[in-house]
N, C-alpha and C. Protein backbone atom coordinates (compact mmCIF):
# COMPACT_ATOMS: atom_id res chain seq x y z
N UNK A 1 117.69 39.04 -36.58
CA UNK A 1 117.53 38.69 -35.17
C UNK A 1 116.04 38.42 -34.90
N UNK A 2 115.74 37.40 -34.15
CA UNK A 2 114.36 37.06 -33.84
C UNK A 2 113.86 37.90 -32.67
N UNK A 3 112.57 38.19 -32.64
CA UNK A 3 112.03 39.02 -31.55
C UNK A 3 112.06 38.32 -30.19
N UNK A 4 112.16 37.01 -30.16
CA UNK A 4 112.15 36.28 -28.89
C UNK A 4 113.54 35.72 -28.56
N UNK A 5 114.56 36.43 -28.93
CA UNK A 5 115.92 35.99 -28.64
C UNK A 5 116.17 36.01 -27.13
N UNK A 6 116.97 35.11 -26.67
CA UNK A 6 117.30 35.07 -25.26
C UNK A 6 116.50 34.05 -24.48
N UNK A 7 115.66 33.25 -25.17
CA UNK A 7 114.94 32.19 -24.49
C UNK A 7 113.72 32.63 -23.69
N UNK A 8 113.27 33.85 -23.89
CA UNK A 8 112.09 34.31 -23.16
C UNK A 8 110.85 33.64 -23.73
N UNK A 9 109.95 33.24 -22.86
CA UNK A 9 108.72 32.58 -23.28
C UNK A 9 107.63 33.57 -23.62
N UNK A 10 106.52 33.03 -24.00
CA UNK A 10 105.37 33.84 -24.36
C UNK A 10 104.78 34.49 -23.10
N UNK A 11 104.35 35.74 -23.23
CA UNK A 11 103.75 36.47 -22.12
C UNK A 11 102.42 35.83 -21.72
N UNK A 12 102.20 35.65 -20.43
CA UNK A 12 100.95 35.10 -19.91
C UNK A 12 100.31 36.16 -19.04
N UNK A 13 99.16 36.68 -19.47
CA UNK A 13 98.50 37.75 -18.71
C UNK A 13 98.18 37.31 -17.28
N UNK A 14 98.38 38.22 -16.34
CA UNK A 14 98.11 37.97 -14.93
C UNK A 14 96.89 38.77 -14.50
N UNK A 15 96.07 38.19 -13.64
CA UNK A 15 94.91 38.87 -13.08
C UNK A 15 94.85 38.54 -11.59
N UNK A 16 94.14 39.39 -10.84
CA UNK A 16 93.99 39.21 -9.40
C UNK A 16 92.57 38.75 -9.09
N UNK A 17 92.44 37.70 -8.31
CA UNK A 17 91.14 37.21 -7.86
C UNK A 17 90.57 38.21 -6.86
N UNK A 18 89.34 38.67 -7.08
CA UNK A 18 88.75 39.65 -6.17
C UNK A 18 88.29 39.00 -4.86
N UNK A 19 88.30 37.67 -4.79
CA UNK A 19 87.92 36.99 -3.57
C UNK A 19 89.08 36.84 -2.60
N UNK A 20 90.18 36.26 -3.08
CA UNK A 20 91.31 35.98 -2.20
C UNK A 20 92.50 36.91 -2.42
N UNK A 21 92.45 37.74 -3.46
CA UNK A 21 93.49 38.72 -3.81
C UNK A 21 94.80 38.07 -4.26
N UNK A 22 94.78 36.79 -4.65
CA UNK A 22 95.97 36.13 -5.19
C UNK A 22 96.05 36.41 -6.69
N UNK A 23 97.27 36.57 -7.17
CA UNK A 23 97.50 36.80 -8.60
C UNK A 23 97.70 35.46 -9.27
N UNK A 24 97.06 35.29 -10.43
CA UNK A 24 97.21 34.05 -11.19
C UNK A 24 97.08 34.33 -12.67
N UNK A 25 97.31 33.29 -13.46
CA UNK A 25 97.17 33.45 -14.90
C UNK A 25 95.71 33.66 -15.26
N UNK A 26 95.50 34.51 -16.24
CA UNK A 26 94.15 34.86 -16.67
C UNK A 26 93.34 33.61 -17.02
N UNK A 27 93.95 32.65 -17.65
CA UNK A 27 93.24 31.43 -18.08
C UNK A 27 92.79 30.56 -16.90
N UNK A 28 93.41 30.72 -15.75
CA UNK A 28 93.04 29.93 -14.57
C UNK A 28 91.84 30.51 -13.83
N UNK A 29 91.48 31.74 -14.14
CA UNK A 29 90.43 32.44 -13.42
C UNK A 29 89.15 32.54 -14.24
N UNK A 30 88.05 32.75 -13.56
CA UNK A 30 86.74 32.90 -14.19
C UNK A 30 86.40 34.38 -14.22
N UNK A 31 86.01 34.88 -15.38
CA UNK A 31 85.69 36.30 -15.52
C UNK A 31 84.20 36.52 -15.33
N UNK A 32 83.88 37.50 -14.50
CA UNK A 32 82.51 37.97 -14.32
C UNK A 32 82.49 39.36 -14.92
N UNK A 33 81.49 39.64 -15.75
CA UNK A 33 81.45 40.91 -16.47
C UNK A 33 80.15 41.67 -16.20
N UNK A 34 80.28 42.99 -16.08
CA UNK A 34 79.12 43.87 -16.01
C UNK A 34 78.95 44.45 -17.40
N UNK A 35 77.92 43.99 -18.08
CA UNK A 35 77.66 44.45 -19.43
C UNK A 35 76.31 45.16 -19.50
N UNK A 36 75.87 45.45 -20.71
CA UNK A 36 74.59 46.14 -20.88
C UNK A 36 73.40 45.34 -20.38
N UNK A 37 73.54 44.01 -20.31
CA UNK A 37 72.43 43.16 -19.85
C UNK A 37 72.54 42.79 -18.38
N UNK A 38 73.45 43.42 -17.66
CA UNK A 38 73.64 43.12 -16.24
C UNK A 38 74.92 42.34 -16.01
N UNK A 39 75.01 41.70 -14.86
CA UNK A 39 76.20 40.95 -14.47
C UNK A 39 76.05 39.50 -14.94
N UNK A 40 77.12 38.97 -15.55
CA UNK A 40 77.07 37.61 -16.07
C UNK A 40 78.46 36.98 -16.03
N UNK A 41 78.49 35.66 -16.11
CA UNK A 41 79.74 34.91 -16.23
C UNK A 41 80.19 35.03 -17.69
N UNK A 42 81.46 35.25 -17.89
CA UNK A 42 82.02 35.38 -19.24
C UNK A 42 82.99 34.24 -19.50
N UNK A 43 82.50 33.13 -20.06
CA UNK A 43 83.38 31.97 -20.27
C UNK A 43 84.48 32.22 -21.30
N UNK A 44 84.27 33.14 -22.24
CA UNK A 44 85.28 33.41 -23.26
C UNK A 44 86.34 34.37 -22.77
N UNK A 45 86.02 35.20 -21.77
CA UNK A 45 86.95 36.20 -21.28
C UNK A 45 87.09 37.39 -22.21
N UNK A 46 86.17 37.53 -23.16
CA UNK A 46 86.27 38.59 -24.15
C UNK A 46 85.00 39.43 -24.29
N UNK A 47 84.01 39.19 -23.47
CA UNK A 47 82.76 39.95 -23.58
C UNK A 47 83.01 41.42 -23.24
N UNK A 48 82.30 42.32 -23.90
CA UNK A 48 82.48 43.74 -23.61
C UNK A 48 81.90 44.09 -22.24
N UNK A 49 82.53 45.01 -21.58
CA UNK A 49 82.07 45.46 -20.27
C UNK A 49 83.17 45.38 -19.24
N UNK A 50 82.87 45.86 -18.06
CA UNK A 50 83.84 45.86 -16.97
C UNK A 50 83.91 44.46 -16.36
N UNK A 51 85.10 43.92 -16.21
CA UNK A 51 85.24 42.56 -15.72
C UNK A 51 85.98 42.46 -14.40
N UNK A 52 85.76 41.35 -13.73
CA UNK A 52 86.47 40.99 -12.50
C UNK A 52 86.73 39.49 -12.58
N UNK A 53 87.76 39.05 -11.89
CA UNK A 53 88.19 37.65 -11.99
C UNK A 53 88.12 36.95 -10.64
N UNK A 54 87.75 35.64 -10.70
CA UNK A 54 87.65 34.81 -9.50
C UNK A 54 88.22 33.43 -9.78
N UNK A 55 88.82 32.83 -8.76
CA UNK A 55 89.22 31.44 -8.86
C UNK A 55 87.96 30.57 -8.89
N UNK A 56 88.11 29.34 -9.27
CA UNK A 56 87.00 28.41 -9.26
C UNK A 56 86.83 27.74 -7.91
N UNK A 57 87.09 28.47 -6.84
CA UNK A 57 86.96 27.94 -5.48
C UNK A 57 85.78 28.60 -4.78
N UNK A 58 85.03 27.80 -4.07
CA UNK A 58 83.86 28.32 -3.37
C UNK A 58 84.23 29.43 -2.39
N UNK A 59 85.35 29.29 -1.70
CA UNK A 59 85.75 30.28 -0.70
C UNK A 59 85.97 31.65 -1.35
N UNK A 60 86.55 31.67 -2.54
CA UNK A 60 86.76 32.94 -3.25
C UNK A 60 85.42 33.58 -3.62
N UNK A 61 84.50 32.77 -4.10
CA UNK A 61 83.19 33.29 -4.50
C UNK A 61 82.41 33.81 -3.29
N UNK A 62 82.48 33.09 -2.16
CA UNK A 62 81.76 33.54 -0.96
C UNK A 62 82.28 34.89 -0.50
N UNK A 63 83.60 35.06 -0.48
CA UNK A 63 84.18 36.34 -0.08
C UNK A 63 83.82 37.44 -1.07
N UNK A 64 83.89 37.13 -2.35
CA UNK A 64 83.62 38.13 -3.38
C UNK A 64 82.16 38.60 -3.33
N UNK A 65 81.25 37.70 -3.07
CA UNK A 65 79.82 38.07 -3.03
C UNK A 65 79.47 38.91 -1.81
N UNK A 66 80.37 38.96 -0.84
CA UNK A 66 80.13 39.82 0.33
C UNK A 66 80.33 41.29 0.01
N UNK A 67 80.95 41.59 -1.13
CA UNK A 67 81.10 43.00 -1.47
C UNK A 67 82.22 43.34 -2.42
N UNK A 68 83.28 42.54 -2.44
CA UNK A 68 84.42 42.91 -3.28
C UNK A 68 84.11 42.77 -4.77
N UNK A 69 83.23 41.85 -5.14
CA UNK A 69 82.87 41.71 -6.55
C UNK A 69 82.08 42.92 -7.03
N UNK A 70 81.10 43.33 -6.25
CA UNK A 70 80.31 44.52 -6.61
C UNK A 70 81.20 45.75 -6.69
N UNK A 71 82.14 45.86 -5.78
CA UNK A 71 83.06 47.00 -5.79
C UNK A 71 83.94 46.98 -7.04
N UNK A 72 84.46 45.81 -7.39
CA UNK A 72 85.32 45.69 -8.56
C UNK A 72 84.56 45.98 -9.85
N UNK A 73 83.30 45.58 -9.89
CA UNK A 73 82.48 45.82 -11.09
C UNK A 73 81.83 47.21 -11.09
N UNK A 74 81.97 47.91 -9.97
CA UNK A 74 81.37 49.24 -9.80
C UNK A 74 79.87 49.21 -10.07
N UNK A 75 79.20 48.29 -9.39
CA UNK A 75 77.76 48.12 -9.55
C UNK A 75 77.19 47.55 -8.26
N UNK A 76 75.93 47.82 -8.03
CA UNK A 76 75.20 47.19 -6.93
C UNK A 76 74.55 45.94 -7.50
N UNK A 77 74.91 44.76 -6.98
CA UNK A 77 74.36 43.51 -7.51
C UNK A 77 72.87 43.43 -7.21
N UNK A 78 72.07 43.19 -8.25
CA UNK A 78 70.64 43.01 -8.07
C UNK A 78 70.39 41.63 -7.46
N UNK A 79 69.20 41.42 -6.95
CA UNK A 79 68.86 40.13 -6.37
C UNK A 79 68.96 39.03 -7.43
N UNK A 80 68.56 39.34 -8.64
CA UNK A 80 68.62 38.37 -9.74
C UNK A 80 70.07 38.03 -10.09
N UNK A 81 70.93 39.04 -10.17
CA UNK A 81 72.35 38.80 -10.45
C UNK A 81 72.99 37.96 -9.35
N UNK A 82 72.71 38.31 -8.11
CA UNK A 82 73.28 37.58 -6.97
C UNK A 82 72.84 36.12 -6.99
N UNK A 83 71.57 35.90 -7.31
CA UNK A 83 71.04 34.53 -7.35
C UNK A 83 71.74 33.71 -8.44
N UNK A 84 71.94 34.32 -9.61
CA UNK A 84 72.61 33.62 -10.71
C UNK A 84 74.07 33.30 -10.36
N UNK A 85 74.76 34.23 -9.71
CA UNK A 85 76.15 34.00 -9.32
C UNK A 85 76.24 32.93 -8.23
N UNK A 86 75.30 32.93 -7.30
CA UNK A 86 75.31 31.91 -6.25
C UNK A 86 75.03 30.53 -6.84
N UNK A 87 74.15 30.46 -7.84
CA UNK A 87 73.87 29.18 -8.50
C UNK A 87 75.12 28.67 -9.21
N UNK A 88 75.85 29.56 -9.86
CA UNK A 88 77.10 29.19 -10.52
C UNK A 88 78.11 28.70 -9.49
N UNK A 89 78.17 29.38 -8.35
CA UNK A 89 79.09 29.00 -7.28
C UNK A 89 78.76 27.59 -6.78
N UNK A 90 77.49 27.27 -6.64
CA UNK A 90 77.10 25.94 -6.19
C UNK A 90 77.54 24.87 -7.18
N UNK A 91 77.46 25.16 -8.48
CA UNK A 91 77.92 24.20 -9.49
C UNK A 91 79.42 24.00 -9.42
N UNK A 92 80.17 25.05 -9.15
CA UNK A 92 81.63 24.93 -9.01
C UNK A 92 81.97 24.04 -7.83
N UNK A 93 81.28 24.24 -6.72
CA UNK A 93 81.56 23.44 -5.52
C UNK A 93 81.29 21.97 -5.79
N UNK A 94 80.21 21.67 -6.54
CA UNK A 94 79.89 20.29 -6.84
C UNK A 94 80.95 19.66 -7.74
N UNK A 95 81.47 20.42 -8.71
CA UNK A 95 82.50 19.92 -9.60
C UNK A 95 83.78 19.58 -8.85
N UNK A 96 84.15 20.43 -7.89
CA UNK A 96 85.40 20.21 -7.17
C UNK A 96 85.30 19.05 -6.19
N UNK A 97 84.13 18.85 -5.58
CA UNK A 97 83.98 17.78 -4.60
C UNK A 97 83.74 16.44 -5.24
N UNK A 98 83.21 16.43 -6.46
CA UNK A 98 82.81 15.16 -7.04
C UNK A 98 83.69 14.78 -8.13
């Protein structure tokens, strides 16, 4: 007997966006990680550290930067971290509009 009998598909991990609180597939979301070097974007989704997920929408990032991202990462965002995340957010907005 095969392990996938019954027509069930492959499991797709689900994550919640800390900006809008919508659940989506892990691959659709952007991971932000708190690691030993501070807060950073994790394009691979595999970097060590505490992670939080966001959609690639400016509205989600704006809400998350008001406090829910820091809460999810259990860290106080430094001015440098906040500036880097805001710069990334601006690039996302440009990609979606253009």
